Amino acid sequence: MKIYSCCGTDSITKKYACSKCSESKHEEKEVSDKGTVYSYTKIHIAPAEFADIAPYNVVLIDLDEANAKVTARIQEDVEIGDAVKLSRIENGAYVYEKIQNTSAVV
């Protein structure tokens, strides 16, 4: 995932000016697309263009390797703290999925 950084602030969008120093010289970095669910809401009655996929979750994800959050859609149920990863970008929207816990209980 590509992020843009200036003055210790990271963003997934390239802004015209840094919110701290007002410069337009952002450093572009590649970071992992994995993160943690920070917040979410479940959409039951969706706008017409998304009615066929409702219910779905709109999730705020705290990226693991950046000081940034991304808003995404997740079809499956989630809880705050769940590990997630980018599945695809669909019509400009980030679509994430839960990372299944593969550790076995002995």
C-alpha atoms as a PDB file:
ATOM      1  CA  MET A   1       0.000   0.000   0.000  1.00  0.00           C
ATOM      2  CA  LYS A   2       1.308   3.438  -0.888  1.00  0.00           C
ATOM      3  CA  ILE A   3       1.303   6.207   1.736  1.00  0.00           C
ATOM      4  CA  TYR A   4       2.499   9.793   1.735  1.00  0.00           C
ATOM      5  CA  SER A   5       4.413  11.193   4.695  1.00  0.00           C
ATOM      6  CA  CYS A   6       5.444  14.660   5.892  1.00  0.00           C
ATOM      7  CA  CYS A   7       6.302  15.935   9.387  1.00  0.00           C
ATOM      8  CA  GLY A   8       5.586  12.525  10.928  1.00  0.00           C
ATOM      9  CA  THR A   9       2.043  12.496   9.549  1.00  0.00           C
ATOM     10  CA  ASP A  10       1.082   9.716   7.144  1.00  0.00           C
ATOM     11  CA  SER A  11      -1.837   9.683   4.730  1.00  0.00           C
ATOM     12  CA  ILE A  12      -3.144   7.274   2.105  1.00  0.00           C
ATOM     13  CA  THR A  13      -3.985  10.249  -0.114  1.00  0.00           C
ATOM     14  CA  LYS A  14      -1.525  12.686  -1.601  1.00  0.00           C
ATOM     15  CA  LYS A  15      -2.591  16.031  -0.199  1.00  0.00           C
ATOM     16  CA  TYR A  16      -1.796  19.369  -1.754  1.00  0.00           C
ATOM     17  CA  ALA A  17      -0.235  20.632   1.468  1.00  0.00           C
ATOM     18  CA  CYS A  18       0.900  19.080   4.744  1.00  0.00           C
ATOM     19  CA  SER A  19      -1.506  19.807   7.578  1.00  0.00           C
ATOM     20  CA  LYS A  20       1.424  20.661   9.885  1.00  0.00           C
ATOM     21  CA  CYS A  21       3.948  22.601   7.787  1.00  0.00           C
ATOM     22  CA  SER A  22       1.900  23.521   4.677  1.00  0.00           C
ATOM     23  CA  GLU A  23       4.633  22.137   2.384  1.00  0.00           C
ATOM     24  CA  SER A  24       3.697  20.066  -0.647  1.00  0.00           C
ATOM     25  CA  LYS A  25       6.759  17.800  -0.608  1.00  0.00           C
ATOM     26  CA  HIS A  26       5.501  14.450   0.650  1.00  0.00           C
ATOM     27  CA  GLU A  27       7.689  11.371   0.875  1.00  0.00           C
ATOM     28  CA  GLU A  28       6.093   8.406  -0.874  1.00  0.00           C
ATOM     29  CA  LYS A  29       6.486   5.038   0.898  1.00  0.00           C
ATOM     30  CA  GLU A  30       5.302   1.470   0.411  1.00  0.00           C
ATOM     31  CA  VAL A  31       3.957  -0.116   3.591  1.00  0.00           C
ATOM     32  CA  SER A  32       2.148  -3.334   4.447  1.00  0.00           C
ATOM     33  CA  ASP A  33      -1.586  -3.367   3.704  1.00  0.00           C
ATOM     34  CA  LYS A  34      -2.235  -5.130   7.029  1.00  0.00           C
ATOM     35  CA  GLY A  35      -3.811  -3.422   9.997  1.00  0.00           C
ATOM     36  CA  THR A  36      -6.113  -3.604  12.990  1.00  0.00           C
ATOM     37  CA  VAL A  37      -9.800  -2.734  13.231  1.00  0.00           C
ATOM     38  CA  TYR A  38      -9.975   0.591  15.088  1.00  0.00           C
ATOM     39  CA  SER A  39     -13.723   1.191  14.709  1.00  0.00           C
ATOM     40  CA  TYR A  40     -16.624  -0.106  12.624  1.00  0.00           C
ATOM     41  CA  THR A  41     -20.311   0.199  11.885  1.00  0.00           C
ATOM     42  CA  LYS A  42     -22.600  -2.310  10.194  1.00  0.00           C
ATOM     43  CA  ILE A  43     -24.672  -1.008   7.291  1.00  0.00           C
ATOM     44  CA  HIS A  44     -28.035  -2.759   7.017  1.00  0.00           C
ATOM     45  CA  ILE A  45     -29.896  -0.318   4.766  1.00  0.00           C
ATOM     46  CA  ALA A  46     -27.412   0.705   2.108  1.00  0.00           C
ATOM     47  CA  PRO A  47     -27.545   3.301  -0.650  1.00  0.00           C
ATOM     48  CA  ALA A  48     -28.995   1.930  -3.891  1.00  0.00           C
ATOM     49  CA  GLU A  49     -25.586   1.228  -5.476  1.00  0.00           C
ATOM     50  CA  PHE A  50     -24.606  -1.013  -2.522  1.00  0.00           C
ATOM     51  CA  ALA A  51     -28.001  -2.552  -1.698  1.00  0.00           C
ATOM     52  CA  ASP A  52     -27.015  -5.874  -3.284  1.00  0.00           C
ATOM     53  CA  ILE A  53     -24.123  -6.381  -0.813  1.00  0.00           C
ATOM     54  CA  ALA A  54     -25.874  -5.263   2.395  1.00  0.00           C
ATOM     55  CA  PRO A  55     -25.382  -5.914   5.212  1.00  0.00           C
ATOM     56  CA  TYR A  56     -21.685  -4.997   5.262  1.00  0.00           C
ATOM     57  CA  ASN A  57     -19.271  -3.287   7.624  1.00  0.00           C
ATOM     58  CA  VAL A  58     -17.609   0.077   7.106  1.00  0.00           C
ATOM     59  CA  VAL A  59     -14.372  -0.159   9.049  1.00  0.00           C
ATOM     60  CA  LEU A  60     -11.662   2.267  10.157  1.00  0.00           C
ATOM     61  CA  ILE A  61      -8.349   0.400  10.018  1.00  0.00           C
ATOM     62  CA  ASP A  62      -5.180   1.439  11.839  1.00  0.00           C
ATOM     63  CA  LEU A  63      -2.358   0.452   9.467  1.00  0.00           C
ATOM     64  CA  ASP A  64       0.442  -1.642  11.009  1.00  0.00           C
ATOM     65  CA  GLU A  65       3.402   0.095   9.351  1.00  0.00           C
ATOM     66  CA  ALA A  66       2.164   3.684   9.159  1.00  0.00           C
ATOM     67  CA  ASN A  67       0.773   6.390  11.371  1.00  0.00           C
ATOM     68  CA  ALA A  68      -2.410   6.392   9.287  1.00  0.00           C
ATOM     69  CA  LYS A  69      -5.911   4.977   9.194  1.00  0.00           C
ATOM     70  CA  VAL A  70      -7.909   3.851   6.173  1.00  0.00           C
ATOM     71  CA  THR A  71     -11.667   3.548   5.749  1.00  0.00           C
ATOM     72  CA  ALA A  72     -12.639   0.268   4.132  1.00  0.00           C
ATOM     73  CA  ARG A  73     -15.475  -2.159   3.598  1.00  0.00           C
ATOM     74  CA  ILE A  74     -15.524  -5.675   5.089  1.00  0.00           C
ATOM     75  CA  GLN A  75     -18.292  -8.152   4.349  1.00  0.00           C
ATOM     76  CA  GLU A  76     -17.700 -10.408   7.351  1.00  0.00           C
ATOM     77  CA  ASP A  77     -18.392  -9.523  10.991  1.00  0.00           C
ATOM     78  CA  VAL A  78     -15.498  -7.881  12.836  1.00  0.00           C
ATOM     79  CA  GLU A  79     -14.596  -6.694  16.304  1.00  0.00           C
ATOM     80  CA  ILE A  80     -12.308  -3.873  17.403  1.00  0.00           C
ATOM     81  CA  GLY A  81      -8.770  -5.262  17.508  1.00  0.00           C
ATOM     82  CA  ASP A  82      -9.239  -7.833  14.719  1.00  0.00           C
ATOM     83  CA  ALA A  83      -6.279  -8.235  12.352  1.00  0.00           C
ATOM     84  CA  VAL A  84      -7.184  -7.480   8.724  1.00  0.00           C
ATOM     85  CA  LYS A  85      -5.515  -7.231   5.313  1.00  0.00           C
ATOM     86  CA  LEU A  86      -6.363  -5.644   1.986  1.00  0.00           C
ATOM     87  CA  SER A  87      -8.248  -8.022  -0.288  1.00  0.00           C
ATOM     88  CA  ARG A  88      -8.766  -5.725  -3.283  1.00  0.00           C
ATOM     89  CA  ILE A  89      -9.645  -2.237  -4.422  1.00  0.00           C
ATOM     90  CA  GLU A  90     -13.115  -2.177  -5.964  1.00  0.00           C
ATOM     91  CA  ASN A  91     -14.387   0.958  -7.745  1.00  0.00           C
ATOM     92  CA  GLY A  92     -11.922   3.058  -5.736  1.00  0.00           C
ATOM     93  CA  ALA A  93     -12.965   1.536  -2.395  1.00  0.00           C
ATOM     94  CA  TYR A  94     -10.635  -0.487  -0.188  1.00  0.00           C
ATOM     95  CA  VAL A  95     -12.077  -3.923   0.559  1.00  0.00           C
ATOM     96  CA  TYR A  96     -10.432  -5.702   3.496  1.00  0.00           C
ATOM     97  CA  GLU A  97     -10.808  -9.170   4.978  1.00  0.00           C
ATOM     98  CA  LYS A  98     -10.072 -10.650   8.378  1.00  0.00           C
ATOM     99  CA  ILE A  99      -6.796 -12.487   8.832  1.00  0.00           C
ATOM    100  CA  GLN A 100      -7.706 -15.934  10.052  1.00  0.00           C
ATOM    101  CA  ASN A 101      -5.887 -17.008  13.198  1.00  0.00           C
ATOM    102  CA  THR A 102      -3.793 -19.994  12.152  1.00  0.00           C
ATOM    103  CA  SER A 103      -2.326 -20.793  15.550  1.00  0.00           C
ATOM    104  CA  ALA A 104      -3.429 -24.168  16.863  1.00  0.00           C
ATOM    105  CA  VAL A 105      -4.528 -24.686  20.445  1.00  0.00           C
ATOM    106  CA  VAL A 106      -2.642 -27.569  22.067  1.00  0.00           C
END
